[in-house]
Amino acid sequence: MLQSNPRAVLVDVRTRAEWTFVGIPDLQPVQHKPVLLEWQTYPAMAVNGAFVDQLASELKARGLDESVPVLFLCRSGVRSQAAAMAAVAAGFTETYNIAGGFEGPLSSGGHRGEVGGWKASGLPWIQN
């Protein structure tokens, strides 16, 4: 979707710590820049009550509105699903949860990033 639609937006809802220490999607190959917007704020992990307003402001700054396709990404797909549902409740019309997340589920060895998810699927990512 990011390749085929120049208006599509990827919103990474993980925490600043995750962006810094785990990495972020590299969308430069498809001429996009991810929106980095915490759904829950680290370290307390309280839900960001201003999330939807901040997202709308970021889209507006990019010349977009609530009608564009918005893909939500977190570590494993749980926080991003909650963020996508909040966006729908606020009037966003085309939202998608990236179910596998950035790191995917735990492997048999108890590690993320090895089975499923953005990184293990070979999609581009960088250290932030």
C-alpha atoms as a PDB file:
ATOM      1  CA  MET A   1       0.000   0.000   0.000  1.00  0.00           C
ATOM      2  CA  LEU A   2       2.849   2.384   0.784  1.00  0.00           C
ATOM      3  CA  GLN A   3       4.386   1.633  -2.610  1.00  0.00           C
ATOM      4  CA  SER A   4       1.175   2.091  -4.559  1.00  0.00           C
ATOM      5  CA  ASN A   5      -0.404   5.034  -2.737  1.00  0.00           C
ATOM      6  CA  PRO A   6       1.654   8.208  -2.234  1.00  0.00           C
ATOM      7  CA  ARG A   7      -0.921   9.464   0.286  1.00  0.00           C
ATOM      8  CA  ALA A   8      -0.742   6.385   2.547  1.00  0.00           C
ATOM      9  CA  VAL A   9       0.858   6.961   5.935  1.00  0.00           C
ATOM     10  CA  LEU A  10       2.603   4.571   8.318  1.00  0.00           C
ATOM     11  CA  VAL A  11       2.232   5.497  11.991  1.00  0.00           C
ATOM     12  CA  ASP A  12       4.689   3.794  14.344  1.00  0.00           C
ATOM     13  CA  VAL A  13       2.975   3.911  17.751  1.00  0.00           C
ATOM     14  CA  ARG A  14       5.802   2.382  19.779  1.00  0.00           C
ATOM     15  CA  THR A  15       7.726   4.347  22.400  1.00  0.00           C
ATOM     16  CA  ARG A  16      10.703   6.637  21.911  1.00  0.00           C
ATOM     17  CA  ALA A  17      12.837   4.008  23.637  1.00  0.00           C
ATOM     18  CA  GLU A  18      11.776   1.376  21.104  1.00  0.00           C
ATOM     19  CA  TRP A  19      12.456   3.669  18.151  1.00  0.00           C
ATOM     20  CA  THR A  20      15.898   4.438  19.538  1.00  0.00           C
ATOM     21  CA  PHE A  21      17.018   0.990  20.647  1.00  0.00           C
ATOM     22  CA  VAL A  22      15.124  -1.369  18.298  1.00  0.00           C
ATOM     23  CA  GLY A  23      14.895   0.690  15.090  1.00  0.00           C
ATOM     24  CA  ILE A  24      12.207   2.128  12.834  1.00  0.00           C
ATOM     25  CA  PRO A  25      10.818   1.252   9.401  1.00  0.00           C
ATOM     26  CA  ASP A  26      12.910   2.752   6.617  1.00  0.00           C
ATOM     27  CA  LEU A  27      10.370   4.124   4.168  1.00  0.00           C
ATOM     28  CA  GLN A  28      12.842   6.057   2.027  1.00  0.00           C
ATOM     29  CA  PRO A  29      12.743   3.387  -0.716  1.00  0.00           C
ATOM     30  CA  VAL A  30       9.027   4.190  -1.212  1.00  0.00           C
ATOM     31  CA  GLN A  31       9.417   7.962  -0.715  1.00  0.00           C
ATOM     32  CA  HIS A  32       7.559   8.050   2.587  1.00  0.00           C
ATOM     33  CA  LYS A  33       8.468   9.133   6.100  1.00  0.00           C
ATOM     34  CA  PRO A  34       6.871   7.337   9.058  1.00  0.00           C
ATOM     35  CA  VAL A  35       4.927   9.229  11.680  1.00  0.00           C
ATOM     36  CA  LEU A  36       6.497   8.439  15.051  1.00  0.00           C
ATOM     37  CA  LEU A  37       3.757   8.956  17.631  1.00  0.00           C
ATOM     38  CA  GLU A  38       3.575   7.120  20.950  1.00  0.00           C
ATOM     39  CA  TRP A  39       0.264   5.420  21.740  1.00  0.00           C
ATOM     40  CA  GLN A  40       1.526   4.813  25.272  1.00  0.00           C
ATOM     41  CA  THR A  41       4.248   6.969  26.772  1.00  0.00           C
ATOM     42  CA  TYR A  42       7.379   5.419  28.228  1.00  0.00           C
ATOM     43  CA  PRO A  43       8.187   4.590  31.004  1.00  0.00           C
ATOM     44  CA  ALA A  44       4.759   4.695  32.705  1.00  0.00           C
ATOM     45  CA  MET A  45       3.071   3.289  29.584  1.00  0.00           C
ATOM     46  CA  ALA A  46       0.019   5.480  30.121  1.00  0.00           C
ATOM     47  CA  VAL A  47      -2.162   5.886  27.050  1.00  0.00           C
ATOM     48  CA  ASN A  48      -1.440   9.148  25.252  1.00  0.00           C
ATOM     49  CA  GLY A  49      -4.772  10.962  25.592  1.00  0.00           C
ATOM     50  CA  ALA A  50      -3.795  13.426  22.873  1.00  0.00           C
ATOM     51  CA  PHE A  51      -2.886  10.710  20.357  1.00  0.00           C
ATOM     52  CA  VAL A  52      -5.722  11.281  17.875  1.00  0.00           C
ATOM     53  CA  ASP A  53      -5.338  15.069  17.960  1.00  0.00           C
ATOM     54  CA  GLN A  54      -1.573  14.760  17.484  1.00  0.00           C
ATOM     55  CA  LEU A  55      -2.105  12.376  14.571  1.00  0.00           C
ATOM     56  CA  ALA A  56      -4.587  14.737  12.924  1.00  0.00           C
ATOM     57  CA  SER A  57      -2.106  17.615  13.352  1.00  0.00           C
ATOM     58  CA  GLU A  58       0.722  15.584  11.820  1.00  0.00           C
ATOM     59  CA  LEU A  59      -1.425  14.632   8.844  1.00  0.00           C
ATOM     60  CA  LYS A  60      -2.518  18.242   8.377  1.00  0.00           C
ATOM     61  CA  ALA A  61       1.142  19.336   8.422  1.00  0.00           C
ATOM     62  CA  ARG A  62       1.708  16.870   5.566  1.00  0.00           C
ATOM     63  CA  GLY A  63      -1.258  18.238   3.612  1.00  0.00           C
ATOM     64  CA  LEU A  64      -3.398  15.190   4.420  1.00  0.00           C
ATOM     65  CA  ASP A  65      -6.603  14.518   6.326  1.00  0.00           C
ATOM     66  CA  GLU A  66      -8.535  11.715   8.037  1.00  0.00           C
ATOM     67  CA  SER A  67      -9.531  10.132   4.718  1.00  0.00           C
ATOM     68  CA  VAL A  68      -6.045   8.878   3.781  1.00  0.00           C
ATOM     69  CA  PRO A  69      -5.008   5.263   4.364  1.00  0.00           C
ATOM     70  CA  VAL A  70      -3.255   5.048   7.739  1.00  0.00           C
ATOM     71  CA  LEU A  71      -1.273   1.939   8.668  1.00  0.00           C
ATOM     72  CA  PHE A  72      -0.535   1.496  12.378  1.00  0.00           C
ATOM     73  CA  LEU A  73       2.535  -0.387  13.614  1.00  0.00           C
ATOM     74  CA  CYS A  74       3.773  -1.335  17.097  1.00  0.00           C
ATOM     75  CA  ARG A  75       6.010  -4.114  18.447  1.00  0.00           C
ATOM     76  CA  SER A  76       3.593  -7.000  17.971  1.00  0.00           C
ATOM     77  CA  GLY A  77       0.265  -5.588  16.784  1.00  0.00           C
ATOM     78  CA  VAL A  78      -1.585  -4.969  20.060  1.00  0.00           C
ATOM     79  CA  ARG A  79      -0.989  -1.260  20.688  1.00  0.00           C
ATOM     80  CA  SER A  80      -1.353  -0.517  16.984  1.00  0.00           C
ATOM     81  CA  GLN A  81      -4.758  -2.205  16.967  1.00  0.00           C
ATOM     82  CA  ALA A  82      -5.895  -0.004  19.868  1.00  0.00           C
ATOM     83  CA  ALA A  83      -4.563   3.092  18.077  1.00  0.00           C
ATOM     84  CA  ALA A  84      -6.332   2.129  14.846  1.00  0.00           C
ATOM     85  CA  MET A  85      -9.601   1.627  16.715  1.00  0.00           C
ATOM     86  CA  ALA A  86      -9.236   5.045  18.393  1.00  0.00           C
ATOM     87  CA  ALA A  87      -8.610   6.620  14.983  1.00  0.00           C
ATOM     88  CA  VAL A  88     -11.748   5.010  13.547  1.00  0.00           C
ATOM     89  CA  ALA A  89     -13.781   6.253  16.525  1.00  0.00           C
ATOM     90  CA  ALA A  90     -12.436   9.765  15.822  1.00  0.00           C
ATOM     91  CA  GLY A  91     -13.537   9.696  12.171  1.00  0.00           C
ATOM     92  CA  PHE A  92     -10.541   8.307  10.292  1.00  0.00           C
ATOM     93  CA  THR A  93     -12.035   6.349   7.410  1.00  0.00           C
ATOM     94  CA  GLU A  94      -9.270   4.008   6.237  1.00  0.00           C
ATOM     95  CA  THR A  95      -7.147   2.494   9.005  1.00  0.00           C
ATOM     96  CA  TYR A  96      -5.103  -0.691   9.037  1.00  0.00           C
ATOM     97  CA  ASN A  97      -3.341  -2.558  11.820  1.00  0.00           C
ATOM     98  CA  ILE A  98      -0.070  -4.242  10.860  1.00  0.00           C
ATOM     99  CA  ALA A  99      -0.829  -7.389  12.844  1.00  0.00           C
ATOM    100  CA  GLY A 100       2.698  -8.815  12.997  1.00  0.00           C
ATOM    101  CA  GLY A 101       4.146  -5.554  14.284  1.00  0.00           C
ATOM    102  CA  PHE A 102       7.748  -4.472  13.947  1.00  0.00           C
ATOM    103  CA  GLU A 103       9.259  -7.371  15.887  1.00  0.00           C
ATOM    104  CA  GLY A 104       6.601 -10.079  15.606  1.00  0.00           C
ATOM    105  CA  PRO A 105       5.855 -12.804  18.137  1.00  0.00           C
ATOM    106  CA  LEU A 106       8.337 -14.512  20.413  1.00  0.00           C
ATOM    107  CA  SER A 107      10.462 -17.213  18.775  1.00  0.00           C
ATOM    108  CA  SER A 108      10.859 -20.652  20.327  1.00  0.00           C
ATOM    109  CA  GLY A 109      13.983 -19.235  21.978  1.00  0.00           C
ATOM    110  CA  GLY A 110      12.000 -16.389  23.545  1.00  0.00           C
ATOM    111  CA  HIS A 111      13.249 -13.594  21.258  1.00  0.00           C
ATOM    112  CA  ARG A 112      11.348 -11.103  19.109  1.00  0.00           C
ATOM    113  CA  GLY A 113      12.470 -10.050  15.638  1.00  0.00           C
ATOM    114  CA  GLU A 114      13.214 -13.578  14.470  1.00  0.00           C
ATOM    115  CA  VAL A 115       9.752 -14.877  13.519  1.00  0.00           C
ATOM    116  CA  GLY A 116       7.224 -12.673  11.722  1.00  0.00           C
ATOM    117  CA  GLY A 117       6.932  -8.935  11.909  1.00  0.00           C
ATOM    118  CA  TRP A 118       8.508  -6.156   9.852  1.00  0.00           C
ATOM    119  CA  LYS A 119      12.145  -6.991  10.629  1.00  0.00           C
ATOM    120  CA  ALA A 120      11.960 -10.766  10.191  1.00  0.00           C
ATOM    121  CA  SER A 121      10.045 -10.315   6.932  1.00  0.00           C
ATOM    122  CA  GLY A 122      13.035  -8.514   5.461  1.00  0.00           C
ATOM    123  CA  LEU A 123      11.360  -5.120   5.147  1.00  0.00           C
ATOM    124  CA  PRO A 124      13.747  -2.143   5.337  1.00  0.00           C
ATOM    125  CA  TRP A 125      14.512  -0.664   8.741  1.00  0.00           C
ATOM    126  CA  ILE A 126      17.143   1.575  10.308  1.00  0.00           C
ATOM    127  CA  GLN A 127      18.433   2.493  13.731  1.00  0.00           C
ATOM    128  CA  ASN A 128      16.985   5.834  14.709  1.00  0.00           C
END
